[in-house]
Amino acid sequence: MKDSKALLVGMAIMAMVGLGGCCGGGSTTVKEQPITTTTTTTTLGEELKSLRDAYDRGIITEKEYNASKEKIIKQRTATDSK
């Protein structure tokens, strides 16, 4: 008798779990957006001006300013000569 009750309870639980999964809120379709890339072109002057602005505002140190300035100039002159 105990085995019968346990079996019935187990079957009832299985039925509830099984039915609970199919009675959800409906399906949702997600439309994937294509990946786009944006290229922003700045001039050497604009980059140096932004860098100087960061230095003047205290965002970067003088050492960082000078190192970044040299790096930007080297990259630009290397790119321009190609």
N, C-alpha and C. Protein backbone atom coordinates (compact mmCIF):
# COMPACT_ATOMS: atom_id res chain seq x y z
N MET A 1 0.83 -1.18 0.00
CA MET A 1 0.00 0.00 0.00
C MET A 1 0.88 1.26 0.00
N LYS A 2 1.96 1.27 0.86
CA LYS A 2 2.85 2.41 0.90
C LYS A 2 3.55 2.59 -0.44
N ASP A 3 3.92 1.48 -1.06
CA ASP A 3 4.59 1.54 -2.35
C ASP A 3 3.67 2.12 -3.41
N SER A 4 2.38 1.83 -3.34
CA SER A 4 1.41 2.35 -4.30
C SER A 4 1.26 3.85 -4.14
N LYS A 5 1.21 4.32 -2.88
CA LYS A 5 1.08 5.76 -2.64
C LYS A 5 2.33 6.49 -3.13
N ALA A 6 3.48 5.92 -2.82
CA ALA A 6 4.73 6.54 -3.23
C ALA A 6 4.81 6.60 -4.75
N LEU A 7 4.37 5.55 -5.41
CA LEU A 7 4.37 5.51 -6.86
C LEU A 7 3.42 6.56 -7.44
N LEU A 8 2.24 6.69 -6.85
CA LEU A 8 1.27 7.68 -7.32
C LEU A 8 1.78 9.10 -7.10
N VAL A 9 2.38 9.36 -5.94
CA VAL A 9 2.92 10.68 -5.65
C VAL A 9 4.05 11.00 -6.64
N GLY A 10 4.90 10.03 -6.86
CA GLY A 10 6.02 10.21 -7.80
C GLY A 10 5.53 10.50 -9.20
N MET A 11 4.50 9.78 -9.64
CA MET A 11 3.94 9.98 -10.98
C MET A 11 3.27 11.36 -11.07
N ALA A 12 2.59 11.77 -9.99
CA ALA A 12 1.94 13.08 -9.98
C ALA A 12 2.98 14.19 -10.09
N ILE A 13 4.07 14.04 -9.35
CA ILE A 13 5.14 15.05 -9.40
C ILE A 13 5.75 15.10 -10.80
N MET A 14 6.00 13.95 -11.38
CA MET A 14 6.57 13.89 -12.74
C MET A 14 5.63 14.56 -13.74
N ALA A 15 4.33 14.32 -13.58
CA ALA A 15 3.35 14.91 -14.49
C ALA A 15 3.34 16.43 -14.35
N MET A 16 3.42 16.92 -13.10
CA MET A 16 3.40 18.37 -12.88
C MET A 16 4.65 19.03 -13.47
N VAL A 17 5.78 18.39 -13.27
CA VAL A 17 7.02 18.94 -13.80
C VAL A 17 6.98 18.93 -15.33
N GLY A 18 6.51 17.86 -15.88
CA GLY A 18 6.41 17.75 -17.34
C GLY A 18 5.45 18.76 -17.94
N LEU A 19 4.31 18.95 -17.32
CA LEU A 19 3.33 19.90 -17.83
C LEU A 19 3.73 21.33 -17.54
N GLY A 20 4.42 21.55 -16.45
CA GLY A 20 4.84 22.90 -16.09
C GLY A 20 5.80 23.50 -17.11
N GLY A 21 6.60 22.68 -17.72
CA GLY A 21 7.56 23.17 -18.71
C GLY A 21 6.91 23.61 -20.00
N CYS A 22 5.77 23.04 -20.34
CA CYS A 22 5.14 23.39 -21.61
C CYS A 22 4.07 24.46 -21.46
N CYS A 23 3.82 24.92 -20.29
CA CYS A 23 2.78 25.93 -20.08
C CYS A 23 3.39 27.28 -19.75
N GLY A 24 4.52 27.55 -20.34
CA GLY A 24 5.21 28.80 -20.06
C GLY A 24 4.54 29.98 -20.72
N GLY A 25 5.23 31.08 -20.74
CA GLY A 25 4.68 32.32 -21.25
C GLY A 25 4.76 32.45 -22.76
N GLY A 26 5.03 31.42 -23.46
CA GLY A 26 5.12 31.50 -24.91
C GLY A 26 6.57 31.58 -25.35
N SER A 27 6.76 31.62 -26.64
CA SER A 27 8.13 31.64 -27.14
C SER A 27 8.54 33.06 -27.48
N THR A 28 9.81 33.28 -27.41
CA THR A 28 10.35 34.59 -27.75
C THR A 28 11.36 34.40 -28.87
N THR A 29 11.23 35.20 -29.89
CA THR A 29 12.16 35.14 -31.01
C THR A 29 13.12 36.31 -30.91
N VAL A 30 14.39 36.00 -30.94
CA VAL A 30 15.41 37.04 -30.88
C VAL A 30 16.02 37.17 -32.26
N LYS A 31 15.95 38.37 -32.80
CA LYS A 31 16.51 38.62 -34.12
C LYS A 31 17.92 39.15 -33.94
N GLU A 32 18.88 38.46 -34.52
CA GLU A 32 20.27 38.88 -34.39
C GLU A 32 20.55 40.07 -35.31
N GLN A 33 21.27 41.03 -34.77
CA GLN A 33 21.65 42.20 -35.54
C GLN A 33 23.00 41.95 -36.19
N PRO A 34 23.19 42.42 -37.40
CA PRO A 34 24.50 42.24 -38.04
C PRO A 34 25.55 43.06 -37.31
N ILE A 35 26.76 42.57 -37.31
CA ILE A 35 27.86 43.26 -36.67
C ILE A 35 28.37 44.35 -37.62
N THR A 36 28.45 45.56 -37.11
CA THR A 36 28.97 46.65 -37.92
C THR A 36 30.20 47.21 -37.24
N THR A 37 31.10 47.69 -38.04
CA THR A 37 32.30 48.32 -37.51
C THR A 37 32.34 49.76 -37.98
N THR A 38 32.84 50.61 -37.13
CA THR A 38 32.96 52.01 -37.46
C THR A 38 34.42 52.41 -37.36
N THR A 39 34.90 53.07 -38.36
CA THR A 39 36.27 53.55 -38.36
C THR A 39 36.24 55.06 -38.21
N THR A 40 36.92 55.53 -37.19
CA THR A 40 36.99 56.96 -36.96
C THR A 40 38.40 57.42 -37.31
N THR A 41 38.48 58.41 -38.14
CA THR A 41 39.77 58.93 -38.55
C THR A 41 39.98 60.29 -37.90
N THR A 42 41.10 60.42 -37.21
CA THR A 42 41.45 61.70 -36.62
C THR A 42 42.77 62.16 -37.20
N THR A 43 42.97 63.42 -37.19
CA THR A 43 44.25 63.96 -37.67
C THR A 43 45.27 63.92 -36.55
N LEU A 44 46.51 64.07 -36.92
CA LEU A 44 47.58 64.12 -35.93
C LEU A 44 47.34 65.29 -34.98
N GLY A 45 46.95 66.41 -35.53
CA GLY A 45 46.69 67.59 -34.72
C GLY A 45 45.58 67.36 -33.70
N GLU A 46 44.50 66.68 -34.12
CA GLU A 46 43.39 66.39 -33.21
C GLU A 46 43.83 65.48 -32.07
N GLU A 47 44.63 64.48 -32.40
CA GLU A 47 45.11 63.57 -31.37
C GLU A 47 46.01 64.28 -30.37
N LEU A 48 46.90 65.11 -30.88
CA LEU A 48 47.80 65.85 -29.99
C LEU A 48 47.03 66.86 -29.14
N LYS A 49 46.02 67.45 -29.73
CA LYS A 49 45.19 68.42 -29.00
C LYS A 49 44.44 67.71 -27.86
N SER A 50 43.88 66.54 -28.13
CA SER A 50 43.18 65.77 -27.10
C SER A 50 44.13 65.33 -26.00
N LEU A 51 45.31 64.93 -26.41
CA LEU A 51 46.33 64.51 -25.44
C LEU A 51 46.73 65.69 -24.55
N ARG A 52 46.94 66.85 -25.16
CA ARG A 52 47.31 68.04 -24.39
C ARG A 52 46.18 68.44 -23.43
N ASP A 53 44.95 68.30 -23.89
CA ASP A 53 43.80 68.61 -23.05
C ASP A 53 43.77 67.70 -21.82
N ALA A 54 44.06 66.41 -22.03
CA ALA A 54 44.10 65.47 -20.91
C ALA A 54 45.19 65.86 -19.91
N TYR A 55 46.32 66.28 -20.44
CA TYR A 55 47.42 66.73 -19.57
C TYR A 55 47.04 68.00 -18.80
N ASP A 56 46.47 68.96 -19.51
CA ASP A 56 46.09 70.23 -18.87
C ASP A 56 45.03 70.03 -17.78
N ARG A 57 44.17 69.04 -17.94
CA ARG A 57 43.13 68.77 -16.96
C ARG A 57 43.63 67.91 -15.80
N GLY A 58 44.86 67.44 -15.89
CA GLY A 58 45.42 66.63 -14.82
C GLY A 58 45.03 65.16 -14.90
N ILE A 59 44.52 64.75 -16.04
CA ILE A 59 44.11 63.35 -16.22
C ILE A 59 45.34 62.45 -16.38
N ILE A 60 46.36 62.98 -17.05
CA ILE A 60 47.61 62.23 -17.21
C ILE A 60 48.77 63.09 -16.71
N THR A 61 49.85 62.42 -16.38
CA THR A 61 51.04 63.12 -15.89
C THR A 61 51.86 63.65 -17.06
N GLU A 62 52.84 64.48 -16.74
CA GLU A 62 53.72 65.02 -17.79
C GLU A 62 54.49 63.90 -18.47
N LYS A 63 54.91 62.93 -17.66
CA LYS A 63 55.64 61.79 -18.21
C LYS A 63 54.77 61.00 -19.18
N GLU A 64 53.51 60.75 -18.80
CA GLU A 64 52.58 60.03 -19.68
C GLU A 64 52.29 60.85 -20.94
N TYR A 65 52.15 62.15 -20.76
CA TYR A 65 51.89 63.04 -21.89
C TYR A 65 53.02 62.96 -22.91
N ASN A 66 54.26 63.11 -22.44
CA ASN A 66 55.42 63.09 -23.34
C ASN A 66 55.58 61.73 -24.03
N ALA A 67 55.39 60.65 -23.27
CA ALA A 67 55.53 59.30 -23.85
C ALA A 67 54.44 59.06 -24.90
N SER A 68 53.21 59.45 -24.60
CA SER A 68 52.11 59.25 -25.54
C SER A 68 52.28 60.12 -26.78
N LYS A 69 52.75 61.32 -26.57
CA LYS A 69 52.97 62.24 -27.69
C LYS A 69 54.00 61.65 -28.67
N GLU A 70 55.10 61.16 -28.13
CA GLU A 70 56.12 60.54 -28.98
C GLU A 70 55.57 59.33 -29.72
N LYS A 71 54.81 58.50 -29.01
CA LYS A 71 54.24 57.30 -29.60
C LYS A 71 53.28 57.65 -30.75
N ILE A 72 52.43 58.63 -30.53
CA ILE A 72 51.48 59.04 -31.56
C ILE A 72 52.22 59.57 -32.79
N ILE A 73 53.22 60.39 -32.57
CA ILE A 73 53.97 60.96 -33.69
C ILE A 73 54.69 59.86 -34.47
N LYS A 74 55.31 58.92 -33.76
CA LYS A 74 56.00 57.81 -34.44
C LYS A 74 55.03 56.96 -35.25
N GLN A 75 53.86 56.66 -34.66
CA GLN A 75 52.88 55.85 -35.38
C GLN A 75 52.38 56.57 -36.62
N ARG A 76 52.12 57.85 -36.49
CA ARG A 76 51.61 58.62 -37.64
C ARG A 76 52.65 58.75 -38.74
N THR A 77 53.89 59.00 -38.37
CA THR A 77 54.91 59.15 -39.41
C THR A 77 55.20 57.81 -40.09
N ALA A 78 55.10 56.72 -39.34
CA ALA A 78 55.29 55.39 -39.92
C ALA A 78 54.14 55.06 -40.86
N THR A 79 52.92 55.42 -40.49
CA THR A 79 51.75 55.15 -41.31
C THR A 79 51.74 56.02 -42.55
N ASP A 80 52.11 57.28 -42.40
CA ASP A 80 52.10 58.21 -43.53
C ASP A 80 53.14 57.86 -44.58
N SER A 81 54.24 57.22 -44.17
CA SER A 81 55.30 56.90 -45.12
C SER A 81 55.01 55.64 -45.91
N LYS A 82 53.98 54.91 -45.56
CA LYS A 82 53.64 53.66 -46.30
C LYS A 82 52.88 53.94 -47.55
